[in-house]
C-alpha atoms as a PDB file:
ATOM      1  CA  MET A   1      97.346 103.574-116.701  1.00  0.00           C
ATOM      2  CA  VAL A   2      98.827 100.540-118.460  1.00  0.00           C
ATOM      3  CA  ASP A   3     102.627 100.194-118.439  1.00  0.00           C
ATOM      4  CA  ALA A   4     104.695  99.096-121.449  1.00  0.00           C
ATOM      5  CA  GLY A   5     104.916  95.437-120.351  1.00  0.00           C
ATOM      6  CA  GLU A   6     101.177  95.155-119.799  1.00  0.00           C
ATOM      7  CA  LEU A   7     100.501  96.856-123.127  1.00  0.00           C
ATOM      8  CA  ALA A   8     102.781  94.381-124.932  1.00  0.00           C
ATOM      9  CA  ALA A   9     101.009  91.443-123.230  1.00  0.00           C
ATOM     10  CA  ILE A  10      97.588  92.772-124.253  1.00  0.00           C
ATOM     11  CA  ALA A  11      98.791  93.305-127.825  1.00  0.00           C
ATOM     12  CA  SER A  12     100.170  89.757-127.968  1.00  0.00           C
ATOM     13  CA  LEU A  13      96.855  88.308-126.782  1.00  0.00           C
ATOM     14  CA  TRP A  14      94.825  90.401-129.226  1.00  0.00           C
ATOM     15  CA  LYS A  15      97.103  89.348-132.115  1.00  0.00           C
ATOM     16  CA  ARG A  16      96.622  85.653-131.285  1.00  0.00           C
ATOM     17  CA  GLU A  17      92.853  86.130-131.112  1.00  0.00           C
ATOM     18  CA  ARG A  18      92.826  88.280-134.283  1.00  0.00           C
ATOM     19  CA  ARG A  19      90.640  90.743-132.404  1.00  0.00           C
ATOM     20  CA  THR A  20      88.948  93.591-134.262  1.00  0.00           C
ATOM     21  CA  PHE A  21      88.198  96.837-132.451  1.00  0.00           C
ATOM     22  CA  THR A  22      87.506 100.501-133.105  1.00  0.00           C
ATOM     23  CA  ALA A  23      89.516 103.177-131.315  1.00  0.00           C
ATOM     24  CA  SER A  24      90.543 106.791-131.740  1.00  0.00           C
ATOM     25  CA  PHE A  25      94.016 108.215-131.376  1.00  0.00           C
ATOM     26  CA  GLY A  26      95.484 111.647-130.735  1.00  0.00           C
ATOM     27  CA  GLY A  27      98.096 113.409-132.791  1.00  0.00           C
ATOM     28  CA  VAL A  28      98.272 114.916-136.257  1.00  0.00           C
ATOM     29  CA  SER A  29     100.923 112.738-137.908  1.00  0.00           C
ATOM     30  CA  MET A  30      98.322 110.895-140.026  1.00  0.00           C
ATOM     31  CA  LEU A  31      96.610 114.010-141.431  1.00  0.00           C
ATOM     32  CA  PRO A  32      94.812 114.272-143.794  1.00  0.00           C
ATOM     33  CA  THR A  33      94.064 110.528-143.809  1.00  0.00           C
ATOM     34  CA  ILE A  34      93.131 110.217-140.129  1.00  0.00           C
ATOM     35  CA  ALA A  35      92.175 113.235-138.042  1.00  0.00           C
ATOM     36  CA  ALA A  36      92.933 113.299-134.311  1.00  0.00           C
ATOM     37  CA  GLY A  37      90.075 111.589-132.479  1.00  0.00           C
ATOM     38  CA  ALA A  38      88.604 109.983-135.617  1.00  0.00           C
ATOM     39  CA  PRO A  39      87.493 106.358-135.161  1.00  0.00           C
ATOM     40  CA  VAL A  40      89.808 103.770-136.710  1.00  0.00           C
ATOM     41  CA  GLU A  41      88.855 100.102-137.110  1.00  0.00           C
ATOM     42  CA  ILE A  42      91.835  97.836-136.376  1.00  0.00           C
ATOM     43  CA  VAL A  43      92.193  94.107-137.060  1.00  0.00           C
ATOM     44  CA  CYS A  44      94.919  92.600-134.862  1.00  0.00           C
ATOM     45  CA  GLY A  45      97.400  90.022-136.085  1.00  0.00           C
ATOM     46  CA  ASP A  46      96.657  90.727-139.718  1.00  0.00           C
ATOM     47  CA  GLU A  47      99.576  90.753-142.125  1.00  0.00           C
ATOM     48  CA  ALA A  48     100.332  94.255-143.301  1.00  0.00           C
ATOM     49  CA  LYS A  49     101.845  95.237-146.605  1.00  0.00           C
ATOM     50  CA  PRO A  50     103.498  98.506-147.614  1.00  0.00           C
ATOM     51  CA  GLY A  51     100.850 101.181-148.016  1.00  0.00           C
ATOM     52  CA  ASP A  52      98.677  99.875-145.158  1.00  0.00           C
ATOM     53  CA  VAL A  53      98.041 101.962-142.061  1.00  0.00           C
ATOM     54  CA  ILE A  54      99.343  99.945-139.130  1.00  0.00           C
ATOM     55  CA  LEU A  55      99.151  99.967-135.361  1.00  0.00           C
ATOM     56  CA  PHE A  56     102.389  99.095-133.544  1.00  0.00           C
ATOM     57  CA  LEU A  57     104.133  99.476-130.214  1.00  0.00           C
ATOM     58  CA  HIS A  58     107.116 101.781-129.932  1.00  0.00           C
ATOM     59  CA  ARG A  59     108.776 102.613-126.613  1.00  0.00           C
ATOM     60  CA  GLY A  60     105.701 101.596-124.663  1.00  0.00           C
ATOM     61  CA  GLN A  61     103.278 103.633-126.752  1.00  0.00           C
ATOM     62  CA  VAL A  62     100.809 102.758-129.481  1.00  0.00           C
ATOM     63  CA  VAL A  63     101.628 104.345-132.848  1.00  0.00           C
ATOM     64  CA  VAL A  64      99.365 104.564-135.905  1.00  0.00           C
ATOM     65  CA  HIS A  65     101.423 105.191-139.061  1.00  0.00           C
ATOM     66  CA  ARG A  66     101.638 103.959-142.642  1.00  0.00           C
ATOM     67  CA  LEU A  67     103.908 101.001-143.420  1.00  0.00           C
ATOM     68  CA  ILE A  68     106.511 102.060-145.980  1.00  0.00           C
ATOM     69  CA  ALA A  69     108.724  98.979-146.194  1.00  0.00           C
ATOM     70  CA  ARG A  70     109.226  95.634-144.563  1.00  0.00           C
ATOM     71  CA  ARG A  71     112.356  93.568-144.736  1.00  0.00           C
ATOM     72  CA  GLY A  72     112.983  90.459-142.680  1.00  0.00           C
ATOM     73  CA  ALA A  73     112.409  91.206-139.013  1.00  0.00           C
ATOM     74  CA  TRP A  74     112.223  94.990-139.529  1.00  0.00           C
ATOM     75  CA  MET A  75     109.653  97.443-140.775  1.00  0.00           C
ATOM     76  CA  LEU A  76     109.724 101.129-141.633  1.00  0.00           C
ATOM     77  CA  ALA A  77     106.690 103.379-141.100  1.00  0.00           C
ATOM     78  CA  ARG A  78     105.846 107.052-141.435  1.00  0.00           C
ATOM     79  CA  GLY A  79     102.942 109.295-140.574  1.00  0.00           C
ATOM     80  CA  ASP A  80     101.294 110.672-143.721  1.00  0.00           C
ATOM     81  CA  ALA A  81     101.943 114.241-142.510  1.00  0.00           C
ATOM     82  CA  ASN A  82     105.572 113.544-141.562  1.00  0.00           C
ATOM     83  CA  PRO A  83     108.296 114.354-144.106  1.00  0.00           C
ATOM     84  CA  ILE A  84     110.651 111.610-142.880  1.00  0.00           C
ATOM     85  CA  PRO A  85     110.026 108.053-141.666  1.00  0.00           C
ATOM     86  CA  ASP A  86     110.254 106.736-138.130  1.00  0.00           C
ATOM     87  CA  LEU A  87     113.283 104.739-137.069  1.00  0.00           C
ATOM     88  CA  PRO A  88     112.987 101.079-138.133  1.00  0.00           C
ATOM     89  CA  VAL A  89     111.081  98.933-135.637  1.00  0.00           C
ATOM     90  CA  SER A  90     110.888  95.200-135.121  1.00  0.00           C
ATOM     91  CA  ALA A  91     108.119  93.509-137.086  1.00  0.00           C
ATOM     92  CA  ASP A  92     107.154  91.861-133.779  1.00  0.00           C
ATOM     93  CA  ALA A  93     105.926  95.293-132.631  1.00  0.00           C
ATOM     94  CA  LEU A  94     103.109  95.166-135.199  1.00  0.00           C
ATOM     95  CA  ILE A  95      99.697  94.826-133.544  1.00  0.00           C
ATOM     96  CA  GLY A  96      97.473  95.075-136.601  1.00  0.00           C
ATOM     97  CA  ARG A  97      96.320  97.137-139.532  1.00  0.00           C
ATOM     98  CA  ALA A  98      93.590  99.696-139.991  1.00  0.00           C
ATOM     99  CA  LEU A  99      90.620  98.562-142.048  1.00  0.00           C
ATOM    100  CA  SER A 100      88.930 101.927-142.329  1.00  0.00           C
ATOM    101  CA  ALA A 101      91.873 104.105-143.375  1.00  0.00           C
ATOM    102  CA  ALA A 102      91.793 105.603-146.833  1.00  0.00           C
ATOM    103  CA  PRO A 103      94.637 104.743-149.177  1.00  0.00           C
ATOM    104  CA  TYR A 104      97.388 107.307-149.357  1.00  0.00           C
ATOM    105  CA  GLU A 105      97.764 109.138-152.641  1.00  0.00           C
ATOM    106  CA  GLU A 106     101.341 110.227-153.138  1.00  0.00           C
ATOM    107  CA  THR A 107     102.556 113.176-155.120  1.00  0.00           C
ATOM    108  CA  GLY A 108     105.576 112.787-157.369  1.00  0.00           C
ATOM    109  CA  TRP A 109     107.903 114.215-154.687  1.00  0.00           C
ATOM    110  CA  GLN A 110     106.530 111.835-152.034  1.00  0.00           C
ATOM    111  CA  THR A 111     107.028 108.863-154.373  1.00  0.00           C
ATOM    112  CA  PHE A 112     110.638 109.929-154.956  1.00  0.00           C
ATOM    113  CA  ASN A 113     111.155 110.418-151.196  1.00  0.00           C
ATOM    114  CA  ARG A 114     109.653 106.986-150.441  1.00  0.00           C
ATOM    115  CA  GLN A 115     111.904 105.356-153.043  1.00  0.00           C
ATOM    116  CA  LEU A 116     114.965 106.975-151.442  1.00  0.00           C
ATOM    117  CA  VAL A 117     113.869 105.682-148.024  1.00  0.00           C
ATOM    118  CA  VAL A 118     113.341 102.152-149.343  1.00  0.00           C
ATOM    119  CA  ILE A 119     116.771 102.190-151.019  1.00  0.00           C
ATOM    120  CA  ALA A 120     118.411 103.460-147.808  1.00  0.00           C
ATOM    121  CA  PHE A 121     116.549 100.794-145.822  1.00  0.00           C
ATOM    122  CA  ARG A 122     117.874  98.092-148.177  1.00  0.00           C
ATOM    123  CA  ILE A 123     121.507  99.203-148.142  1.00  0.00           C
ATOM    124  CA  ALA A 124     121.744 100.083-144.427  1.00  0.00           C
ATOM    125  CA  PRO A 125     122.859  96.586-143.292  1.00  0.00           C
ATOM    126  CA  THR A 126     125.656  96.523-145.891  1.00  0.00           C
ATOM    127  CA  LEU A 127     126.795 100.016-144.988  1.00  0.00           C
ATOM    128  CA  ALA A 128     126.758  99.175-141.293  1.00  0.00           C
ATOM    129  CA  ARG A 129     128.905  96.072-141.857  1.00  0.00           C
ATOM    130  CA  ARG A 130     131.483  98.106-143.767  1.00  0.00           C
ATOM    131  CA  ILE A 131     131.396 101.489-142.050  1.00  0.00           C
ATOM    132  CA  VAL A 132     131.334 100.429-138.396  1.00  0.00           C
ATOM    133  CA  PRO A 133     134.643  98.492-138.610  1.00  0.00           C
ATOM    134  CA  LEU A 134     136.191 101.434-140.477  1.00  0.00           C
ATOM    135  CA  LEU A 135     135.042 103.856-137.765  1.00  0.00           C
ATOM    136  CA  TRP A 136     136.589 101.614-135.091  1.00  0.00           C
ATOM    137  CA  GLN A 137     139.900 101.608-137.008  1.00  0.00           C
ATOM    138  CA  ILE A 138     139.823 105.407-137.285  1.00  0.00           C
ATOM    139  CA  ARG A 139     139.092 105.639-133.551  1.00  0.00           C
ATOM    140  CA  ARG A 140     142.099 103.416-132.740  1.00  0.00           C
ATOM    141  CA  VAL A 141     144.383 105.542-134.925  1.00  0.00           C
ATOM    142  CA  VAL A 142     143.129 108.796-133.359  1.00  0.00           C
ATOM    143  CA  LEU A 143     143.536 107.415-129.818  1.00  0.00           C
ATOM    144  CA  ALA A 144     147.028 106.119-130.609  1.00  0.00           C
ATOM    145  CA  ALA A 145     148.012 109.509-132.063  1.00  0.00           C
ATOM    146  CA  HIS A 146     146.567 111.256-129.012  1.00  0.00           C
ATOM    147  CA  ARG A 147     148.534 109.018-126.637  1.00  0.00           C
ATOM    148  CA  THR A 148     151.837 109.688-128.423  1.00  0.00           C
ATOM    149  CA  ALA A 149     151.162 113.453-128.575  1.00  0.00           C
ATOM    150  CA  THR A 150     150.191 113.704-124.888  1.00  0.00           C
ATOM    151  CA  PRO A 151     153.147 113.875-122.479  1.00  0.00           C
ATOM    152  CA  SER A 152     153.070 111.329-119.650  1.00  0.00           C
END
């Protein structure tokens, strides 16, 4: 069994060498595009663009999902069978992209959902800069009110 550190080192080496390999993966998150156990050809270190099926590391595991958006040092992916995207991951986690995966054909609802996700992904940094300080101020007020209401 390979631990997370060893897996990251292997991925880094394969990206530098632009290695191409064929592997199969478990899970059903990429149905109907990729069935569990189906062979997938991966090219490591290749630049991926939204719509590509990518291979990346997340919490010490290899994940095969579709890239939805990429912004700066972050990327957002989702399994074709999953209704919501994964949490954003560092673009450094990208190992490569699948060469043999069929393109994903979205329905109207999926296009709308993807657009909402991309918009949320774009405004999240601004919201975080404004909301987090506000939440800290609210916390201070609540704690101060609690201290004055609690007898010593």
